[in-house]
Protein backbone atom coordinates (compact mmCIF):
# COMPACT_ATOMS: atom_id res chain seq x y z
CA UNK A 1 0.00 0.00 0.00
CA UNK A 2 1.03 3.55 -0.64
CA UNK A 3 2.49 5.74 2.10
CA UNK A 4 0.47 8.71 0.81
CA UNK A 5 -2.65 9.44 2.89
CA UNK A 6 -5.81 8.80 0.85
CA UNK A 7 -6.96 12.40 1.42
CA UNK A 8 -3.85 13.70 -0.38
CA UNK A 9 -3.95 11.35 -3.37
CA UNK A 10 -4.69 12.46 -6.89
CA UNK A 11 -7.46 10.68 -8.75
CA UNK A 12 -4.88 8.65 -10.67
CA UNK A 13 -3.00 7.59 -7.53
CA UNK A 14 -6.19 6.57 -5.74
CA UNK A 15 -7.48 4.64 -8.76
CA UNK A 16 -4.20 2.77 -9.21
CA UNK A 17 -4.09 1.77 -5.57
CA UNK A 18 -7.78 0.81 -5.61
CA UNK A 19 -7.04 -1.51 -8.55
CA UNK A 20 -4.21 -3.12 -6.56
CA UNK A 21 -6.45 -3.56 -3.51
CA UNK A 22 -9.24 -5.13 -5.58
CA UNK A 23 -6.72 -7.45 -7.24
CA UNK A 24 -5.44 -8.66 -3.88
CA UNK A 25 -8.95 -9.23 -2.58
CA UNK A 26 -10.02 -11.08 -5.74
CA UNK A 27 -7.05 -13.45 -5.54
CA UNK A 28 -8.22 -14.47 -2.08
CA UNK A 29 -4.72 -15.23 -0.82
CA UNK A 30 -4.83 -12.63 1.95
CA UNK A 31 -5.46 -13.47 5.61
CA UNK A 32 -8.86 -12.48 7.01
CA UNK A 33 -7.59 -9.56 9.11
CA UNK A 34 -5.57 -8.25 6.17
CA UNK A 35 -8.62 -8.63 3.92
CA UNK A 36 -10.67 -6.49 6.29
CA UNK A 37 -7.97 -3.80 6.34
CA UNK A 38 -7.74 -3.92 2.54
CA UNK A 39 -11.52 -3.63 2.22
CA UNK A 40 -11.55 -0.59 4.51
CA UNK A 41 -8.71 1.02 2.53
CA UNK A 42 -10.54 0.23 -0.70
CA UNK A 43 -13.68 1.95 0.57
CA UNK A 44 -11.67 5.09 1.38
CA UNK A 45 -9.98 4.99 -2.03
CA UNK A 46 -13.34 4.59 -3.78
CA UNK A 47 -14.73 7.59 -1.90
CA UNK A 48 -11.66 9.65 -2.87
CA UNK A 49 -12.07 8.74 -6.55
CA UNK A 50 -15.76 9.64 -6.46
CA UNK A 51 -15.00 13.00 -4.81
CA UNK A 52 -12.31 13.86 -7.38
CA UNK A 53 -14.65 12.90 -10.25
CA UNK A 54 -17.40 15.09 -8.80
CA UNK A 55 -14.97 18.02 -8.60
CA UNK A 56 -14.00 17.50 -12.24
CA UNK A 57 -17.65 17.26 -13.34
CA UNK A 58 -18.47 20.50 -11.55
CA UNK A 59 -15.53 22.27 -13.19
CA UNK A 60 -16.60 21.05 -16.64
CA UNK A 61 -20.19 22.08 -15.96
CA UNK A 62 -18.96 25.57 -15.04
CA UNK A 63 -17.39 26.20 -18.46
CA UNK A 64 -19.42 28.79 -20.35
CA UNK A 65 -19.69 28.89 -24.12
CA UNK A 66 -19.95 31.90 -26.39
CA UNK A 67 -22.48 32.31 -29.19
CA UNK A 68 -20.42 30.06 -31.46
CA UNK A 69 -20.18 27.29 -28.89
CA UNK A 70 -16.55 27.99 -28.02
CA UNK A 71 -15.38 28.13 -24.41
CA UNK A 72 -15.57 31.73 -23.25
CA UNK A 73 -14.74 31.41 -19.56
CA UNK A 74 -15.96 29.76 -16.48
CA UNK A 75 -18.86 30.35 -14.18
CA UNK A 76 -17.88 30.15 -10.52
CA UNK A 77 -19.07 26.95 -8.91
CA UNK A 78 -20.17 27.25 -5.31
CA UNK A 79 -17.72 25.59 -2.96
CA UNK A 80 -14.80 25.43 -5.39
PDB file of N, CA and C in Angstrom:
ATOM      1  N   UNK A   1       0.842  -1.187   0.000  1.00  0.00           N
ATOM      2  CA  UNK A   1       0.000   0.000   0.000  1.00  0.00           C
ATOM      3  C   UNK A   1       0.881   1.242   0.000  1.00  0.00           C
ATOM      4  N   UNK A   2       0.332   2.278  -0.531  1.00  0.00           N
ATOM      5  CA  UNK A   2       1.032   3.546  -0.640  1.00  0.00           C
ATOM      6  C   UNK A   2       1.192   4.212   0.718  1.00  0.00           C
ATOM      7  N   UNK A   3       2.263   4.980   0.867  1.00  0.00           N
ATOM      8  CA  UNK A   3       2.494   5.737   2.095  1.00  0.00           C
ATOM      9  C   UNK A   3       1.683   7.029   2.101  1.00  0.00           C
ATOM     10  N   UNK A   4       1.213   7.461   0.931  1.00  0.00           N
ATOM     11  CA  UNK A   4       0.466   8.705   0.809  1.00  0.00           C
ATOM     12  C   UNK A   4      -0.915   8.554   1.445  1.00  0.00           C
ATOM     13  N   UNK A   5      -1.296   9.498   2.330  1.00  0.00           N
ATOM     14  CA  UNK A   5      -2.653   9.437   2.887  1.00  0.00           C
ATOM     15  C   UNK A   5      -3.694   9.557   1.768  1.00  0.00           C
ATOM     16  N   UNK A   6      -4.767   8.812   1.881  1.00  0.00           N
ATOM     17  CA  UNK A   6      -5.814   8.804   0.847  1.00  0.00           C
ATOM     18  C   UNK A   6      -6.296  10.220   0.550  1.00  0.00           C
ATOM     19  N   UNK A   7      -6.434  11.044   1.586  1.00  0.00           N
ATOM     20  CA  UNK A   7      -6.959  12.400   1.420  1.00  0.00           C
ATOM     21  C   UNK A   7      -6.058  13.286   0.563  1.00  0.00           C
ATOM     22  N   UNK A   8      -4.803  12.902   0.397  1.00  0.00           N
ATOM     23  CA  UNK A   8      -3.850  13.704  -0.378  1.00  0.00           C
ATOM     24  C   UNK A   8      -3.601  13.138  -1.773  1.00  0.00           C
ATOM     25  N   UNK A   9      -4.198  11.999  -2.087  1.00  0.00           N
ATOM     26  CA  UNK A   9      -3.954  11.351  -3.372  1.00  0.00           C
ATOM     27  C   UNK A   9      -4.666  12.059  -4.512  1.00  0.00           C
ATOM     28  N   UNK A  10      -4.025  12.018  -5.671  1.00  0.00           N
ATOM     29  CA  UNK A  10      -4.692  12.463  -6.889  1.00  0.00           C
ATOM     30  C   UNK A  10      -5.671  11.368  -7.287  1.00  0.00           C
ATOM     31  N   UNK A  11      -6.526  11.682  -8.241  1.00  0.00           N
ATOM     32  CA  UNK A  11      -7.457  10.676  -8.745  1.00  0.00           C
ATOM     33  C   UNK A  11      -6.691   9.465  -9.273  1.00  0.00           C
ATOM     34  N   UNK A  12      -5.645   9.735 -10.037  1.00  0.00           N
ATOM     35  CA  UNK A  12      -4.882   8.655 -10.667  1.00  0.00           C
ATOM     36  C   UNK A  12      -4.204   7.761  -9.628  1.00  0.00           C
ATOM     37  N   UNK A  13      -3.640   8.373  -8.584  1.00  0.00           N
ATOM     38  CA  UNK A  13      -3.000   7.592  -7.530  1.00  0.00           C
ATOM     39  C   UNK A  13      -4.024   6.724  -6.801  1.00  0.00           C
ATOM     40  N   UNK A  14      -5.159   7.310  -6.461  1.00  0.00           N
ATOM     41  CA  UNK A  14      -6.194   6.572  -5.741  1.00  0.00           C
ATOM     42  C   UNK A  14      -6.749   5.435  -6.593  1.00  0.00           C
ATOM     43  N   UNK A  15      -6.950   5.688  -7.875  1.00  0.00           N
ATOM     44  CA  UNK A  15      -7.478   4.645  -8.765  1.00  0.00           C
ATOM     45  C   UNK A  15      -6.487   3.494  -8.918  1.00  0.00           C
ATOM     46  N   UNK A  16      -5.210   3.821  -9.068  1.00  0.00           N
ATOM     47  CA  UNK A  16      -4.196   2.773  -9.215  1.00  0.00           C
ATOM     48  C   UNK A  16      -4.121   1.912  -7.956  1.00  0.00           C
ATOM     49  N   UNK A  17      -4.146   2.546  -6.796  1.00  0.00           N
ATOM     50  CA  UNK A  17      -4.090   1.769  -5.568  1.00  0.00           C
ATOM     51  C   UNK A  17      -5.374   0.971  -5.366  1.00  0.00           C
ATOM     52  N   UNK A  18      -6.514   1.541  -5.721  1.00  0.00           N
ATOM     53  CA  UNK A  18      -7.779   0.810  -5.615  1.00  0.00           C
ATOM     54  C   UNK A  18      -7.732  -0.444  -6.485  1.00  0.00           C
ATOM     55  N   UNK A  19      -7.173  -0.335  -7.675  1.00  0.00           N
ATOM     56  CA  UNK A  19      -7.045  -1.509  -8.549  1.00  0.00           C
ATOM     57  C   UNK A  19      -6.158  -2.576  -7.913  1.00  0.00           C
ATOM     58  N   UNK A  20      -5.080  -2.157  -7.247  1.00  0.00           N
ATOM     59  CA  UNK A  20      -4.206  -3.120  -6.559  1.00  0.00           C
ATOM     60  C   UNK A  20      -4.949  -3.803  -5.414  1.00  0.00           C
ATOM     61  N   UNK A  21      -5.691  -3.018  -4.645  1.00  0.00           N
ATOM     62  CA  UNK A  21      -6.447  -3.562  -3.514  1.00  0.00           C
ATOM     63  C   UNK A  21      -7.473  -4.578  -4.004  1.00  0.00           C
ATOM     64  N   UNK A  22      -8.220  -4.222  -5.032  1.00  0.00           N
ATOM     65  CA  UNK A  22      -9.240  -5.133  -5.577  1.00  0.00           C
ATOM     66  C   UNK A  22      -8.578  -6.416  -6.080  1.00  0.00           C
ATOM     67  N   UNK A  23      -7.438  -6.272  -6.748  1.00  0.00           N
ATOM     68  CA  UNK A  23      -6.721  -7.452  -7.242  1.00  0.00           C
ATOM     69  C   UNK A  23      -6.328  -8.392  -6.117  1.00  0.00           C
ATOM     70  N   UNK A  24      -5.824  -7.829  -5.029  1.00  0.00           N
ATOM     71  CA  UNK A  24      -5.439  -8.657  -3.885  1.00  0.00           C
ATOM     72  C   UNK A  24      -6.658  -9.359  -3.288  1.00  0.00           C
ATOM     73  N   UNK A  25      -7.743  -8.629  -3.157  1.00  0.00           N
ATOM     74  CA  UNK A  25      -8.952  -9.227  -2.582  1.00  0.00           C
ATOM     75  C   UNK A  25      -9.523 -10.304  -3.502  1.00  0.00           C
ATOM     76  N   UNK A  26      -9.475 -10.090  -4.799  1.00  0.00           N
ATOM     77  CA  UNK A  26     -10.017 -11.078  -5.740  1.00  0.00           C
ATOM     78  C   UNK A  26      -9.205 -12.366  -5.743  1.00  0.00           C
ATOM     79  N   UNK A  27      -7.895 -12.246  -5.560  1.00  0.00           N
ATOM     80  CA  UNK A  27      -7.052 -13.450  -5.541  1.00  0.00           C
ATOM     81  C   UNK A  27      -7.385 -14.329  -4.342  1.00  0.00           C
ATOM     82  N   UNK A  28      -7.805 -13.708  -3.257  1.00  0.00           N
ATOM     83  CA  UNK A  28      -8.216 -14.472  -2.084  1.00  0.00           C
ATOM     84  C   UNK A  28      -7.079 -15.093  -1.303  1.00  0.00           C
ATOM     85  N   UNK A  29      -5.858 -14.635  -1.528  1.00  0.00           N
ATOM     86  CA  UNK A  29      -4.725 -15.231  -0.824  1.00  0.00           C
ATOM     87  C   UNK A  29      -4.239 -14.361   0.337  1.00  0.00           C
ATOM     88  N   UNK A  30      -5.155 -13.537   0.855  1.00  0.00           N
ATOM     89  CA  UNK A  30      -4.833 -12.629   1.949  1.00  0.00           C
ATOM     90  C   UNK A  30      -5.558 -13.121   3.205  1.00  0.00           C
ATOM     91  N   UNK A  31      -4.864 -13.052   4.343  1.00  0.00           N
ATOM     92  CA  UNK A  31      -5.462 -13.467   5.614  1.00  0.00           C
ATOM     93  C   UNK A  31      -6.701 -12.612   5.911  1.00  0.00           C
ATOM     94  N   UNK A  32      -7.589 -13.143   6.715  1.00  0.00           N
ATOM     95  CA  UNK A  32      -8.861 -12.482   7.008  1.00  0.00           C
ATOM     96  C   UNK A  32      -8.658 -11.068   7.542  1.00  0.00           C
ATOM     97  N   UNK A  33      -7.812 -10.889   8.536  1.00  0.00           N
ATOM     98  CA  UNK A  33      -7.586  -9.560   9.115  1.00  0.00           C
ATOM     99  C   UNK A  33      -7.028  -8.595   8.064  1.00  0.00           C
ATOM    100  N   UNK A  34      -6.130  -9.087   7.234  1.00  0.00           N
ATOM    101  CA  UNK A  34      -5.572  -8.248   6.168  1.00  0.00           C
ATOM    102  C   UNK A  34      -6.644  -7.917   5.132  1.00  0.00           C
ATOM    103  N   UNK A  35      -7.520  -8.867   4.869  1.00  0.00           N
ATOM    104  CA  UNK A  35      -8.621  -8.628   3.919  1.00  0.00           C
ATOM    105  C   UNK A  35      -9.535  -7.519   4.424  1.00  0.00           C
ATOM    106  N   UNK A  36      -9.811  -7.521   5.711  1.00  0.00           N
ATOM    107  CA  UNK A  36     -10.666  -6.491   6.291  1.00  0.00           C
ATOM    108  C   UNK A  36      -9.995  -5.126   6.161  1.00  0.00           C
ATOM    109  N   UNK A  37      -8.705  -5.063   6.465  1.00  0.00           N
ATOM    110  CA  UNK A  37      -7.967  -3.799   6.343  1.00  0.00           C
ATOM    111  C   UNK A  37      -7.939  -3.330   4.882  1.00  0.00           C
ATOM    112  N   UNK A  38      -7.733  -4.266   3.961  1.00  0.00           N
ATOM    113  CA  UNK A  38      -7.737  -3.917   2.542  1.00  0.00           C
ATOM    114  C   UNK A  38      -9.105  -3.402   2.104  1.00  0.00           C
ATOM    115  N   UNK A  39     -10.168  -4.061   2.568  1.00  0.00           N
ATOM    116  CA  UNK A  39     -11.516  -3.634   2.218  1.00  0.00           C
ATOM    117  C   UNK A  39     -11.775  -2.215   2.711  1.00  0.00           C
ATOM    118  N   UNK A  40     -11.371  -1.934   3.951  1.00  0.00           N
ATOM    119  CA  UNK A  40     -11.552  -0.587   4.506  1.00  0.00           C
ATOM    120  C   UNK A  40     -10.768   0.443   3.706  1.00  0.00           C
ATOM    121  N   UNK A  41      -9.530   0.117   3.345  1.00  0.00           N
ATOM    122  CA  UNK A  41      -8.708   1.020   2.530  1.00  0.00           C
ATOM    123  C   UNK A  41      -9.368   1.214   1.169  1.00  0.00           C
ATOM    124  N   UNK A  42      -9.866   0.148   0.587  1.00  0.00           N
ATOM    125  CA  UNK A  42     -10.543   0.232  -0.702  1.00  0.00           C
ATOM    126  C   UNK A  42     -11.755   1.148  -0.662  1.00  0.00           C
ATOM    127  N   UNK A  43     -12.503   1.087   0.431  1.00  0.00           N
ATOM    128  CA  UNK A  43     -13.680   1.954   0.574  1.00  0.00           C
ATOM    129  C   UNK A  43     -13.264   3.421   0.616  1.00  0.00           C
ATOM    130  N   UNK A  44     -12.170   3.717   1.326  1.00  0.00           N
ATOM    131  CA  UNK A  44     -11.668   5.093   1.381  1.00  0.00           C
ATOM    132  C   UNK A  44     -11.174   5.553   0.005  1.00  0.00           C
ATOM    133  N   UNK A  45     -10.485   4.663  -0.694  1.00  0.00           N
ATOM    134  CA  UNK A  45      -9.981   4.995  -2.029  1.00  0.00           C
ATOM    135  C   UNK A  45     -11.129   5.247  -3.002  1.00  0.00           C
ATOM    136  N   UNK A  46     -12.174   4.423  -2.919  1.00  0.00           N
ATOM    137  CA  UNK A  46     -13.344   4.594  -3.784  1.00  0.00           C
ATOM    138  C   UNK A  46     -13.993   5.948  -3.529  1.00  0.00           C
ATOM    139  N   UNK A  47     -14.137   6.301  -2.257  1.00  0.00           N
ATOM    140  CA  UNK A  47     -14.734   7.592  -1.903  1.00  0.00           C
ATOM    141  C   UNK A  47     -13.885   8.742  -2.432  1.00  0.00           C
ATOM    142  N   UNK A  48     -12.559   8.603  -2.359  1.00  0.00           N
ATOM    143  CA  UNK A  48     -11.659   9.652  -2.869  1.00  0.00           C
ATOM    144  C   UNK A  48     -11.826   9.801  -4.382  1.00  0.00           C
ATOM    145  N   UNK A  49     -11.882   8.694  -5.092  1.00  0.00           N
ATOM    146  CA  UNK A  49     -12.068   8.738  -6.550  1.00  0.00           C
ATOM    147  C   UNK A  49     -13.395   9.404  -6.900  1.00  0.00           C
ATOM    148  N   UNK A  50     -14.449   9.050  -6.190  1.00  0.00           N
ATOM    149  CA  UNK A  50     -15.759   9.645  -6.456  1.00  0.00           C
ATOM    150  C   UNK A  50     -15.742  11.150  -6.197  1.00  0.00           C
ATOM    151  N   UNK A  51     -15.072  11.575  -5.129  1.00  0.00           N
ATOM    152  CA  UNK A  51     -14.998  13.002  -4.813  1.00  0.00           C
ATOM    153  C   UNK A  51     -14.227  13.765  -5.888  1.00  0.00           C
ATOM    154  N   UNK A  52     -13.111  13.196  -6.348  1.00  0.00           N
ATOM    155  CA  UNK A  52     -12.313  13.860  -7.377  1.00  0.00           C
ATOM    156  C   UNK A  52     -13.081  13.918  -8.699  1.00  0.00           C
ATOM    157  N   UNK A  53     -13.831  12.879  -9.024  1.00  0.00           N
ATOM    158  CA  UNK A  53     -14.650  12.900 -10.246  1.00  0.00           C
ATOM    159  C   UNK A  53     -15.736  13.958 -10.154  1.00  0.00           C
ATOM    160  N   UNK A  54     -16.359  14.082  -8.988  1.00  0.00           N
ATOM    161  CA  UNK A  54     -17.401  15.087  -8.801  1.00  0.00           C
ATOM    162  C   UNK A  54     -16.819  16.489  -8.973  1.00  0.00           C
ATOM    163  N   UNK A  55     -15.639  16.725  -8.425  1.00  0.00           N
ATOM    164  CA  UNK A  55     -14.968  18.019  -8.603  1.00  0.00           C
ATOM    165  C   UNK A  55     -14.752  18.315 -10.081  1.00  0.00           C
ATOM    166  N   UNK A  56     -14.271  17.320 -10.812  1.00  0.00           N
ATOM    167  CA  UNK A  56     -14.004  17.502 -12.236  1.00  0.00           C
ATOM    168  C   UNK A  56     -15.299  17.772 -13.002  1.00  0.00           C
ATOM    169  N   UNK A  57     -16.356  17.042 -12.687  1.00  0.00           N
ATOM    170  CA  UNK A  57     -17.649  17.256 -13.344  1.00  0.00           C
ATOM    171  C   UNK A  57     -18.159  18.669 -13.098  1.00  0.00           C
ATOM    172  N   UNK A  58     -18.003  19.157 -11.870  1.00  0.00           N
ATOM    173  CA  UNK A  58     -18.466  20.503 -11.549  1.00  0.00           C
ATOM    174  C   UNK A  58     -17.658  21.558 -12.298  1.00  0.00           C
ATOM    175  N   UNK A  59     -16.368  21.325 -12.447  1.00  0.00           N
ATOM    176  CA  UNK A  59     -15.528  22.266 -13.192  1.00  0.00           C
ATOM    177  C   UNK A  59     -15.927  22.293 -14.669  1.00  0.00           C
ATOM    178  N   UNK A  60     -16.182  21.123 -15.237  1.00  0.00           N
ATOM    179  CA  UNK A  60     -16.598  21.054 -16.644  1.00  0.00           C
ATOM    180  C   UNK A  60     -17.954  21.718 -16.812  1.00  0.00           C
ATOM    181  N   UNK A  61     -18.865  21.488 -15.885  1.00  0.00           N
ATOM    182  CA  UNK A  61     -20.195  22.081 -15.965  1.00  0.00           C
ATOM    183  C   UNK A  61     -20.138  23.601 -15.862  1.00  0.00           C
ATOM    184  N   UNK A  62     -19.078  24.128 -15.239  1.00  0.00           N
ATOM    185  CA  UNK A  62     -18.961  25.571 -15.045  1.00  0.00           C
ATOM    186  C   UNK A  62     -18.409  26.295 -16.273  1.00  0.00           C
ATOM    187  N   UNK A  63     -17.935  25.566 -17.261  1.00  0.00           N
ATOM    188  CA  UNK A  63     -17.391  26.202 -18.457  1.00  0.00           C
ATOM    189  C   UNK A  63     -18.539  26.823 -19.245  1.00  0.00           C
ATOM    190  N   UNK A  64     -18.385  28.105 -19.573  1.00  0.00           N
ATOM    191  CA  UNK A  64     -19.415  28.788 -20.354  1.00  0.00           C
ATOM    192  C   UNK A  64     -18.981  28.856 -21.812  1.00  0.00           C
ATOM    193  N   UNK A  65     -19.955  28.841 -22.690  1.00  0.00           N
ATOM    194  CA  UNK A  65     -19.687  28.894 -24.119  1.00  0.00           C
ATOM    195  C   UNK A  65     -20.180  30.218 -24.691  1.00  0.00           C
ATOM    196  N   UNK A  66     -19.490  30.688 -25.729  1.00  0.00           N
ATOM    197  CA  UNK A  66     -19.946  31.902 -26.390  1.00  0.00           C
ATOM    198  C   UNK A  66     -21.009  31.547 -27.425  1.00  0.00           C
ATOM    199  N   UNK A  67     -21.431  32.517 -28.198  1.00  0.00           N
ATOM    200  CA  UNK A  67     -22.484  32.311 -29.188  1.00  0.00           C
ATOM    201  C   UNK A  67     -22.140  31.281 -30.251  1.00  0.00           C
ATOM    202  N   UNK A  68     -20.855  31.045 -30.459  1.00  0.00           N
ATOM    203  CA  UNK A  68     -20.416  30.059 -31.458  1.00  0.00           C
ATOM    204  C   UNK A  68     -20.125  28.694 -30.843  1.00  0.00           C
ATOM    205  N   UNK A  69     -20.402  28.569 -29.556  1.00  0.00           N
ATOM    206  CA  UNK A  69     -20.183  27.289 -28.892  1.00  0.00           C
ATOM    207  C   UNK A  69     -18.752  27.062 -28.447  1.00  0.00           C
ATOM    208  N   UNK A  70     -17.936  28.113 -28.454  1.00  0.00           N
ATOM    209  CA  UNK A  70     -16.546  27.987 -28.022  1.00  0.00           C
ATOM    210  C   UNK A  70     -16.444  28.399 -26.555  1.00  0.00           C
ATOM    211  N   UNK A  71     -15.538  27.752 -25.812  1.00  0.00           N
ATOM    212  CA  UNK A  71     -15.381  28.126 -24.409  1.00  0.00           C
ATOM    213  C   UNK A  71     -15.034  29.608 -24.273  1.00  0.00           C
ATOM    214  N   UNK A  72     -15.767  30.300 -23.418  1.00  0.00           N
ATOM    215  CA  UNK A  72     -15.571  31.731 -23.245  1.00  0.00           C
ATOM    216  C   UNK A  72     -15.132  32.090 -21.832  1.00  0.00           C
ATOM    217  N   UNK A  73     -15.109  31.154 -20.952  1.00  0.00           N
ATOM    218  CA  UNK A  73     -14.742  31.412 -19.565  1.00  0.00           C
ATOM    219  C   UNK A  73     -15.385  30.387 -18.671  1.00  0.00           C
ATOM    220  N   UNK A  74     -15.325  30.680 -17.413  1.00  0.00           N
ATOM    221  CA  UNK A  74     -15.959  29.756 -16.477  1.00  0.00           C
ATOM    222  C   UNK A  74     -16.901  30.513 -15.563  1.00  0.00           C
ATOM    223  N   UNK A  75     -17.911  29.821 -15.149  1.00  0.00           N
ATOM    224  CA  UNK A  75     -18.857  30.346 -14.183  1.00  0.00           C
ATOM    225  C   UNK A  75     -18.429  29.806 -12.827  1.00  0.00           C
ATOM    226  N   UNK A  76     -18.284  30.659 -11.835  1.00  0.00           N
ATOM    227  CA  UNK A  76     -17.882  30.149 -10.517  1.00  0.00           C
ATOM    228  C   UNK A  76     -18.852  29.086 -10.011  1.00  0.00           C
ATOM    229  N   UNK A  77     -18.274  28.023  -9.473  1.00  0.00           N
ATOM    230  CA  UNK A  77     -19.072  26.947  -8.912  1.00  0.00           C
ATOM    231  C   UNK A  77     -18.982  27.077  -7.403  1.00  0.00           C
ATOM    232  N   UNK A  78     -20.122  27.089  -6.761  1.00  0.00           N
ATOM    233  CA  UNK A  78     -20.175  27.249  -5.311  1.00  0.00           C
ATOM    234  C   UNK A  78     -19.362  26.151  -4.639  1.00  0.00           C
ATOM    235  N   UNK A  79     -18.507  26.554  -3.722  1.00  0.00           N
ATOM    236  CA  UNK A  79     -17.722  25.591  -2.963  1.00  0.00           C
ATOM    237  C   UNK A  79     -16.392  25.238  -3.577  1.00  0.00           C
ATOM    238  N   UNK A  80     -16.097  25.742  -4.764  1.00  0.00           N
ATOM    239  CA  UNK A  80     -14.799  25.428  -5.390  1.00  0.00           C
ATOM    240  C   UNK A  80     -13.949  26.652  -5.516  1.00  0.00           C
TER     241      UNK A  80
END
